[in-house]
Amino acid sequence: MRHESVTVEAPAGLDFKAAGYVVSIVSVLFLGAVAWTKENPPGWYYPVLIIGMATSIIGMGFRYLAHLRQKRELHEAKAEAEGR
């Protein structure tokens, strides 16, 4: 009688890294909303606040894209290793 192992992939479930980035984006929006209420800000205040919030959110997006690329590369490497 032959004994062969069978591999069954489990469902991926919640992507905690994606959830973390969403929470970070929401926190940037909340902090920006609080900072927006400053009385008598200098003329440069609001443009700098908006640019800071935007760059933070864009940076999180880039990190998440890098995470997705890394997951894809690991999946491809695993598939290649199993194919040999």
PDB file of N, CA and C in Angstrom:
ATOM      1  N   MET A   1       0.834  -1.167   0.000  1.00  0.00           N
ATOM      2  CA  MET A   1       0.000   0.000   0.000  1.00  0.00           C
ATOM      3  C   MET A   1       0.888   1.243   0.000  1.00  0.00           C
ATOM      4  N   ARG A   2       0.602   2.149  -0.930  1.00  0.00           N
ATOM      5  CA  ARG A   2       1.401   3.378  -1.028  1.00  0.00           C
ATOM      6  C   ARG A   2       0.812   4.469  -0.153  1.00  0.00           C
ATOM      7  N   HIS A   3       1.696   5.222   0.458  1.00  0.00           N
ATOM      8  CA  HIS A   3       1.270   6.364   1.264  1.00  0.00           C
ATOM      9  C   HIS A   3       1.788   7.633   0.599  1.00  0.00           C
ATOM     10  N   GLU A   4       0.869   8.385   0.058  1.00  0.00           N
ATOM     11  CA  GLU A   4       1.239   9.651  -0.563  1.00  0.00           C
ATOM     12  C   GLU A   4       0.603  10.786   0.222  1.00  0.00           C
ATOM     13  N   SER A   5       1.373  11.828   0.396  1.00  0.00           N
ATOM     14  CA  SER A   5       0.813  12.975   1.105  1.00  0.00           C
ATOM     15  C   SER A   5      -0.001  13.822   0.123  1.00  0.00           C
ATOM     16  N   VAL A   6      -1.075  14.328   0.619  1.00  0.00           N
ATOM     17  CA  VAL A   6      -1.924  15.201  -0.178  1.00  0.00           C
ATOM     18  C   VAL A   6      -1.888  16.578   0.467  1.00  0.00           C
ATOM     19  N   THR A   7      -1.610  17.579  -0.351  1.00  0.00           N
ATOM     20  CA  THR A   7      -1.540  18.941   0.152  1.00  0.00           C
ATOM     21  C   THR A   7      -2.808  19.676  -0.248  1.00  0.00           C
ATOM     22  N   VAL A   8      -3.466  20.228   0.745  1.00  0.00           N
ATOM     23  CA  VAL A   8      -4.661  21.016   0.506  1.00  0.00           C
ATOM     24  C   VAL A   8      -4.386  22.418   1.024  1.00  0.00           C
ATOM     25  N   GLU A   9      -4.521  23.405   0.119  1.00  0.00           N
ATOM     26  CA  GLU A   9      -4.258  24.776   0.544  1.00  0.00           C
ATOM     27  C   GLU A   9      -5.419  25.297   1.367  1.00  0.00           C
ATOM     28  N   ALA A  10      -5.082  25.895   2.493  1.00  0.00           N
ATOM     29  CA  ALA A  10      -6.094  26.506   3.344  1.00  0.00           C
ATOM     30  C   ALA A  10      -6.461  27.869   2.763  1.00  0.00           C
ATOM     31  N   PRO A  11      -7.671  28.317   3.013  1.00  0.00           N
ATOM     32  CA  PRO A  11      -8.035  29.651   2.535  1.00  0.00           C
ATOM     33  C   PRO A  11      -7.135  30.711   3.155  1.00  0.00           C
ATOM     34  N   ALA A  12      -6.869  31.737   2.382  1.00  0.00           N
ATOM     35  CA  ALA A  12      -5.906  32.757   2.800  1.00  0.00           C
ATOM     36  C   ALA A  12      -6.362  33.495   4.055  1.00  0.00           C
ATOM     37  N   GLY A  13      -7.650  33.757   4.195  1.00  0.00           N
ATOM     38  CA  GLY A  13      -8.128  34.470   5.374  1.00  0.00           C
ATOM     39  C   GLY A  13      -7.832  35.952   5.289  1.00  0.00           C
ATOM     40  N   LEU A  14      -7.846  36.584   6.426  1.00  0.00           N
ATOM     41  CA  LEU A  14      -7.639  38.026   6.510  1.00  0.00           C
ATOM     42  C   LEU A  14      -6.176  38.367   6.265  1.00  0.00           C
ATOM     43  N   ASP A  15      -5.949  39.317   5.406  1.00  0.00           N
ATOM     44  CA  ASP A  15      -4.599  39.811   5.159  1.00  0.00           C
ATOM     45  C   ASP A  15      -4.324  40.891   6.202  1.00  0.00           C
ATOM     46  N   PHE A  16      -3.637  40.520   7.270  1.00  0.00           N
ATOM     47  CA  PHE A  16      -3.407  41.442   8.374  1.00  0.00           C
ATOM     48  C   PHE A  16      -2.575  42.643   7.954  1.00  0.00           C
ATOM     49  N   LYS A  17      -1.683  42.454   7.000  1.00  0.00           N
ATOM     50  CA  LYS A  17      -0.879  43.579   6.549  1.00  0.00           C
ATOM     51  C   LYS A  17      -1.769  44.607   5.858  1.00  0.00           C
ATOM     52  N   ALA A  18      -2.701  44.150   5.023  1.00  0.00           N
ATOM     53  CA  ALA A  18      -3.636  45.064   4.362  1.00  0.00           C
ATOM     54  C   ALA A  18      -4.508  45.768   5.395  1.00  0.00           C
ATOM     55  N   ALA A  19      -4.988  45.026   6.374  1.00  0.00           N
ATOM     56  CA  ALA A  19      -5.809  45.626   7.430  1.00  0.00           C
ATOM     57  C   ALA A  19      -5.013  46.678   8.197  1.00  0.00           C
ATOM     58  N   GLY A  20      -3.747  46.407   8.444  1.00  0.00           N
ATOM     59  CA  GLY A  20      -2.896  47.376   9.130  1.00  0.00           C
ATOM     60  C   GLY A  20      -2.726  48.655   8.335  1.00  0.00           C
ATOM     61  N   TYR A  21      -2.573  48.528   7.022  1.00  0.00           N
ATOM     62  CA  TYR A  21      -2.440  49.719   6.188  1.00  0.00           C
ATOM     63  C   TYR A  21      -3.742  50.513   6.150  1.00  0.00           C
ATOM     64  N   VAL A  22      -4.869  49.830   6.124  1.00  0.00           N
ATOM     65  CA  VAL A  22      -6.157  50.535   6.144  1.00  0.00           C
ATOM     66  C   VAL A  22      -6.316  51.299   7.465  1.00  0.00           C
ATOM     67  N   VAL A  23      -5.973  50.659   8.563  1.00  0.00           N
ATOM     68  CA  VAL A  23      -6.050  51.324   9.868  1.00  0.00           C
ATOM     69  C   VAL A  23      -5.103  52.535   9.893  1.00  0.00           C
ATOM     70  N   SER A  24      -3.917  52.402   9.346  1.00  0.00           N
ATOM     71  CA  SER A  24      -2.974  53.520   9.303  1.00  0.00           C
ATOM     72  C   SER A  24      -3.514  54.675   8.458  1.00  0.00           C
ATOM     73  N   ILE A  25      -4.138  54.361   7.347  1.00  0.00           N
ATOM     74  CA  ILE A  25      -4.714  55.404   6.497  1.00  0.00           C
ATOM     75  C   ILE A  25      -5.834  56.125   7.233  1.00  0.00           C
ATOM     76  N   VAL A  26      -6.683  55.372   7.910  1.00  0.00           N
ATOM     77  CA  VAL A  26      -7.762  55.994   8.676  1.00  0.00           C
ATOM     78  C   VAL A  26      -7.189  56.882   9.777  1.00  0.00           C
ATOM     79  N   SER A  27      -6.130  56.431  10.430  1.00  0.00           N
ATOM     80  CA  SER A  27      -5.531  57.253  11.497  1.00  0.00           C
ATOM     81  C   SER A  27      -4.944  58.542  10.931  1.00  0.00           C
ATOM     82  N   VAL A  28      -4.344  58.483   9.747  1.00  0.00           N
ATOM     83  CA  VAL A  28      -3.824  59.698   9.111  1.00  0.00           C
ATOM     84  C   VAL A  28      -4.966  60.674   8.846  1.00  0.00           C
ATOM     85  N   LEU A  29      -6.103  60.157   8.387  1.00  0.00           N
ATOM     86  CA  LEU A  29      -7.253  61.024   8.117  1.00  0.00           C
ATOM     87  C   LEU A  29      -7.787  61.653   9.403  1.00  0.00           C
ATOM     88  N   PHE A  30      -7.867  60.871  10.474  1.00  0.00           N
ATOM     89  CA  PHE A  30      -8.332  61.420  11.751  1.00  0.00           C
ATOM     90  C   PHE A  30      -7.354  62.477  12.295  1.00  0.00           C
ATOM     91  N   LEU A  31      -6.071  62.175  12.242  1.00  0.00           N
ATOM     92  CA  LEU A  31      -5.084  63.144  12.725  1.00  0.00           C
ATOM     93  C   LEU A  31      -5.095  64.414  11.878  1.00  0.00           C
ATOM     94  N   GLY A  32      -5.281  64.249  10.575  1.00  0.00           N
ATOM     95  CA  GLY A  32      -5.380  65.414   9.701  1.00  0.00           C
ATOM     96  C   GLY A  32      -6.613  66.243  10.007  1.00  0.00           C
ATOM     97  N   ALA A  33      -7.721  65.585  10.323  1.00  0.00           N
ATOM     98  CA  ALA A  33      -8.950  66.299  10.664  1.00  0.00           C
ATOM     99  C   ALA A  33      -8.767  67.110  11.943  1.00  0.00           C
ATOM    100  N   VAL A  34      -8.073  66.552  12.916  1.00  0.00           N
ATOM    101  CA  VAL A  34      -7.814  67.268  14.164  1.00  0.00           C
ATOM    102  C   VAL A  34      -6.872  68.448  13.910  1.00  0.00           C
ATOM    103  N   ALA A  35      -5.854  68.234  13.116  1.00  0.00           N
ATOM    104  CA  ALA A  35      -4.888  69.301  12.829  1.00  0.00           C
ATOM    105  C   ALA A  35      -5.531  70.417  12.000  1.00  0.00           C
ATOM    106  N   TRP A  36      -6.573  70.089  11.242  1.00  0.00           N
ATOM    107  CA  TRP A  36      -7.226  71.059  10.372  1.00  0.00           C
ATOM    108  C   TRP A  36      -7.896  72.177  11.172  1.00  0.00           C
ATOM    109  N   THR A  37      -8.263  71.906  12.410  1.00  0.00           N
ATOM    110  CA  THR A  37      -9.030  72.866  13.211  1.00  0.00           C
ATOM    111  C   THR A  37      -8.156  73.919  13.897  1.00  0.00           C
ATOM    112  N   LYS A  38      -6.920  74.045  13.518  1.00  0.00           N
ATOM    113  CA  LYS A  38      -5.994  75.011  14.143  1.00  0.00           C
ATOM    114  C   LYS A  38      -6.475  76.448  13.870  1.00  0.00           C
ATOM    115  N   GLU A  39      -6.438  77.271  14.898  1.00  0.00           N
ATOM    116  CA  GLU A  39      -6.837  78.676  14.759  1.00  0.00           C
ATOM    117  C   GLU A  39      -5.683  79.509  14.206  1.00  0.00           C
ATOM    118  N   ASN A  40      -6.000  80.376  13.272  1.00  0.00           N
ATOM    119  CA  ASN A  40      -5.041  81.316  12.676  1.00  0.00           C
ATOM    120  C   ASN A  40      -3.731  80.653  12.235  1.00  0.00           C
ATOM    121  N   PRO A  41      -3.802  79.634  11.386  1.00  0.00           N
ATOM    122  CA  PRO A  41      -2.562  78.999  10.929  1.00  0.00           C
ATOM    123  C   PRO A  41      -1.850  79.893   9.911  1.00  0.00           C
ATOM    124  N   PRO A  42      -0.529  79.735   9.780  1.00  0.00           N
ATOM    125  CA  PRO A  42       0.182  80.478   8.737  1.00  0.00           C
ATOM    126  C   PRO A  42      -0.267  79.995   7.355  1.00  0.00           C
ATOM    127  N   GLY A  43       0.028  80.752   6.338  1.00  0.00           N
ATOM    128  CA  GLY A  43      -0.419  80.438   4.980  1.00  0.00           C
ATOM    129  C   GLY A  43       0.078  79.101   4.446  1.00  0.00           C
ATOM    130  N   TRP A  44       1.215  78.653   4.900  1.00  0.00           N
ATOM    131  CA  TRP A  44       1.775  77.393   4.407  1.00  0.00           C
ATOM    132  C   TRP A  44       1.198  76.172   5.119  1.00  0.00           C
ATOM    133  N   TYR A  45       0.445  76.373   6.181  1.00  0.00           N
ATOM    134  CA  TYR A  45       0.015  75.284   7.062  1.00  0.00           C
ATOM    135  C   TYR A  45      -0.841  74.241   6.329  1.00  0.00           C
ATOM    136  N   TYR A  46      -1.909  74.677   5.666  1.00  0.00           N
ATOM    137  CA  TYR A  46      -2.817  73.711   5.042  1.00  0.00           C
ATOM    138  C   TYR A  46      -2.194  72.969   3.855  1.00  0.00           C
ATOM    139  N   PRO A  47      -1.455  73.649   2.976  1.00  0.00           N
ATOM    140  CA  PRO A  47      -0.800  72.879   1.907  1.00  0.00           C
ATOM    141  C   PRO A  47       0.175  71.828   2.448  1.00  0.00           C
ATOM    142  N   VAL A  48       0.929  72.190   3.475  1.00  0.00           N
ATOM    143  CA  VAL A  48       1.889  71.231   4.053  1.00  0.00           C
ATOM    144  C   VAL A  48       1.157  70.081   4.733  1.00  0.00           C
ATOM    145  N   LEU A  49       0.056  70.389   5.414  1.00  0.00           N
ATOM    146  CA  LEU A  49      -0.740  69.340   6.056  1.00  0.00           C
ATOM    147  C   LEU A  49      -1.283  68.360   5.022  1.00  0.00           C
ATOM    148  N   ILE A  50      -1.836  68.881   3.938  1.00  0.00           N
ATOM    149  CA  ILE A  50      -2.389  68.024   2.881  1.00  0.00           C
ATOM    150  C   ILE A  50      -1.290  67.192   2.223  1.00  0.00           C
ATOM    151  N   ILE A  51      -0.152  67.817   1.925  1.00  0.00           N
ATOM    152  CA  ILE A  51       0.963  67.084   1.305  1.00  0.00           C
ATOM    153  C   ILE A  51       1.472  65.992   2.247  1.00  0.00           C
ATOM    154  N   GLY A  52       1.581  66.304   3.527  1.00  0.00           N
ATOM    155  CA  GLY A  52       2.037  65.298   4.498  1.00  0.00           C
ATOM    156  C   GLY A  52       1.093  64.120   4.593  1.00  0.00           C
ATOM    157  N   MET A  53      -0.209  64.404   4.638  1.00  0.00           N
ATOM    158  CA  MET A  53      -1.195  63.320   4.699  1.00  0.00           C
ATOM    159  C   MET A  53      -1.144  62.478   3.424  1.00  0.00           C
ATOM    160  N   ALA A  54      -1.078  63.152   2.285  1.00  0.00           N
ATOM    161  CA  ALA A  54      -1.067  62.438   1.001  1.00  0.00           C
ATOM    162  C   ALA A  54       0.173  61.557   0.858  1.00  0.00           C
ATOM    163  N   THR A  55       1.343  62.095   1.211  1.00  0.00           N
ATOM    164  CA  THR A  55       2.558  61.290   1.069  1.00  0.00           C
ATOM    165  C   THR A  55       2.561  60.101   2.014  1.00  0.00           C
ATOM    166  N   SER A  56       1.982  60.263   3.196  1.00  0.00           N
ATOM    167  CA  SER A  56       1.886  59.144   4.130  1.00  0.00           C
ATOM    168  C   SER A  56       1.004  58.036   3.552  1.00  0.00           C
ATOM    169  N   ILE A  57      -0.139  58.413   3.007  1.00  0.00           N
ATOM    170  CA  ILE A  57      -1.056  57.425   2.433  1.00  0.00           C
ATOM    171  C   ILE A  57      -0.448  56.775   1.189  1.00  0.00           C
ATOM    172  N   ILE A  58       0.200  57.564   0.344  1.00  0.00           N
ATOM    173  CA  ILE A  58       0.848  57.005  -0.852  1.00  0.00           C
ATOM    174  C   ILE A  58       1.958  56.039  -0.451  1.00  0.00           C
ATOM    175  N   GLY A  59       2.734  56.397   0.567  1.00  0.00           N
ATOM    176  CA  GLY A  59       3.795  55.503   1.047  1.00  0.00           C
ATOM    177  C   GLY A  59       3.249  54.175   1.530  1.00  0.00           C
ATOM    178  N   MET A  60       2.119  54.220   2.246  1.00  0.00           N
ATOM    179  CA  MET A  60       1.493  52.973   2.694  1.00  0.00           C
ATOM    180  C   MET A  60       1.031  52.145   1.498  1.00  0.00           C
ATOM    181  N   GLY A  61       0.521  52.812   0.480  1.00  0.00           N
ATOM    182  CA  GLY A  61       0.110  52.107  -0.732  1.00  0.00           C
ATOM    183  C   GLY A  61       1.277  51.418  -1.408  1.00  0.00           C
ATOM    184  N   PHE A  62       2.418  52.112  -1.502  1.00  0.00           N
ATOM    185  CA  PHE A  62       3.614  51.509  -2.098  1.00  0.00           C
ATOM    186  C   PHE A  62       4.087  50.300  -1.287  1.00  0.00           C
ATOM    187  N   ARG A  63       4.073  50.424   0.037  1.00  0.00           N
ATOM    188  CA  ARG A  63       4.495  49.290   0.872  1.00  0.00           C
ATOM    189  C   ARG A  63       3.556  48.103   0.682  1.00  0.00           C
ATOM    190  N   TYR A  64       2.253  48.365   0.559  1.00  0.00           N
ATOM    191  CA  TYR A  64       1.315  47.258   0.355  1.00  0.00           C
ATOM    192  C   TYR A  64       1.532  46.623  -1.018  1.00  0.00           C
ATOM    193  N   LEU A  65       1.794  47.422  -2.041  1.00  0.00           N
ATOM    194  CA  LEU A  65       2.091  46.853  -3.357  1.00  0.00           C
ATOM    195  C   LEU A  65       3.349  45.982  -3.310  1.00  0.00           C
ATOM    196  N   ALA A  66       4.358  46.426  -2.567  1.00  0.00           N
ATOM    197  CA  ALA A  66       5.569  45.618  -2.405  1.00  0.00           C
ATOM    198  C   ALA A  66       5.246  44.309  -1.691  1.00  0.00           C
ATOM    199  N   HIS A  67       4.348  44.364  -0.714  1.00  0.00           N
ATOM    200  CA  HIS A  67       3.914  43.161  -0.005  1.00  0.00           C
ATOM    201  C   HIS A  67       3.227  42.194  -0.976  1.00  0.00           C
ATOM    202  N   LEU A  68       2.334  42.713  -1.821  1.00  0.00           N
ATOM    203  CA  LEU A  68       1.655  41.854  -2.796  1.00  0.00           C
ATOM    204  C   LEU A  68       2.640  41.249  -3.780  1.00  0.00           C
ATOM    205  N   ARG A  69       3.623  42.036  -4.215  1.00  0.00           N
ATOM    206  CA  ARG A  69       4.634  41.521  -5.149  1.00  0.00           C
ATOM    207  C   ARG A  69       5.438  40.403  -4.490  1.00  0.00           C
ATOM    208  N   GLN A  70       5.805  40.600  -3.228  1.00  0.00           N
ATOM    209  CA  GLN A  70       6.579  39.581  -2.517  1.00  0.00           C
ATOM    210  C   GLN A  70       5.761  38.299  -2.372  1.00  0.00           C
ATOM    211  N   LYS A  71       4.471  38.420  -2.028  1.00  0.00           N
ATOM    212  CA  LYS A  71       3.620  37.231  -1.916  1.00  0.00           C
ATOM    213  C   LYS A  71       3.532  36.499  -3.248  1.00  0.00           C
ATOM    214  N   ARG A  72       3.397  37.250  -4.361  1.00  0.00           N
ATOM    215  CA  ARG A  72       3.313  36.634  -5.676  1.00  0.00           C
ATOM    216  C   ARG A  72       4.611  35.912  -6.016  1.00  0.00           C
ATOM    217  N   GLU A  73       5.753  36.546  -5.731  1.00  0.00           N
ATOM    218  CA  GLU A  73       7.041  35.921  -6.011  1.00  0.00           C
ATOM    219  C   GLU A  73       7.235  34.653  -5.193  1.00  0.00           C
ATOM    220  N   LEU A  74       6.816  34.666  -3.925  1.00  0.00           N
ATOM    221  CA  LEU A  74       6.920  33.462  -3.100  1.00  0.00           C
ATOM    222  C   LEU A  74       6.031  32.353  -3.638  1.00  0.00           C
ATOM    223  N   HIS A  75       4.831  32.720  -4.070  1.00  0.00           N
ATOM    224  CA  HIS A  75       3.914  31.731  -4.631  1.00  0.00           C
ATOM    225  C   HIS A  75       4.494  31.137  -5.922  1.00  0.00           C
ATOM    226  N   GLU A  76       5.076  31.982  -6.772  1.00  0.00           N
ATOM    227  CA  GLU A  76       5.688  31.506  -8.023  1.00  0.00           C
ATOM    228  C   GLU A  76       6.888  30.609  -7.744  1.00  0.00           C
ATOM    229  N   ALA A  77       7.712  30.984  -6.762  1.00  0.00           N
ATOM    230  CA  ALA A  77       8.876  30.167  -6.420  1.00  0.00           C
ATOM    231  C   ALA A  77       8.443  28.816  -5.866  1.00  0.00           C
ATOM    232  N   LYS A  78       7.387  28.826  -5.060  1.00  0.00           N
ATOM    233  CA  LYS A  78       6.875  27.564  -4.514  1.00  0.00           C
ATOM    234  C   LYS A  78       6.342  26.681  -5.626  1.00  0.00           C
ATOM    235  N   ALA A  79       5.600  27.272  -6.554  1.00  0.00           N
ATOM    236  CA  ALA A  79       5.050  26.502  -7.668  1.00  0.00           C
ATOM    237  C   ALA A  79       6.176  25.939  -8.540  1.00  0.00           C
ATOM    238  N   GLU A  80       7.225  26.732  -8.754  1.00  0.00           N
ATOM    239  CA  GLU A  80       8.363  26.265  -9.551  1.00  0.00           C
ATOM    240  C   GLU A  80       9.083  25.113  -8.836  1.00  0.00           C
ATOM    241  N   ALA A  81       9.245  25.230  -7.530  1.00  0.00           N
ATOM    242  CA  ALA A  81       9.938  24.188  -6.769  1.00  0.00           C
ATOM    243  C   ALA A  81       9.132  22.888  -6.776  1.00  0.00           C
ATOM    244  N   GLU A  82       7.829  23.006  -6.709  1.00  0.00           N
ATOM    245  CA  GLU A  82       6.990  21.807  -6.730  1.00  0.00           C
ATOM    246  C   GLU A  82       6.919  21.186  -8.101  1.00  0.00           C
ATOM    247  N   GLY A  83       7.160  22.000  -9.138  1.00  0.00           N
ATOM    248  CA  GLY A  83       7.099  21.513 -10.510  1.00  0.00           C
ATOM    249  C   GLY A  83       8.305  20.703 -10.926  1.00  0.00           C
ATOM    250  N   ARG A  84       9.380  20.791 -10.180  1.00  0.00           N
ATOM    251  CA  ARG A  84      10.622  20.076 -10.542  1.00  0.00           C
ATOM    252  C   ARG A  84      10.571  18.642 -10.160  1.00  0.00           C
TER     253      ARG A  84
END
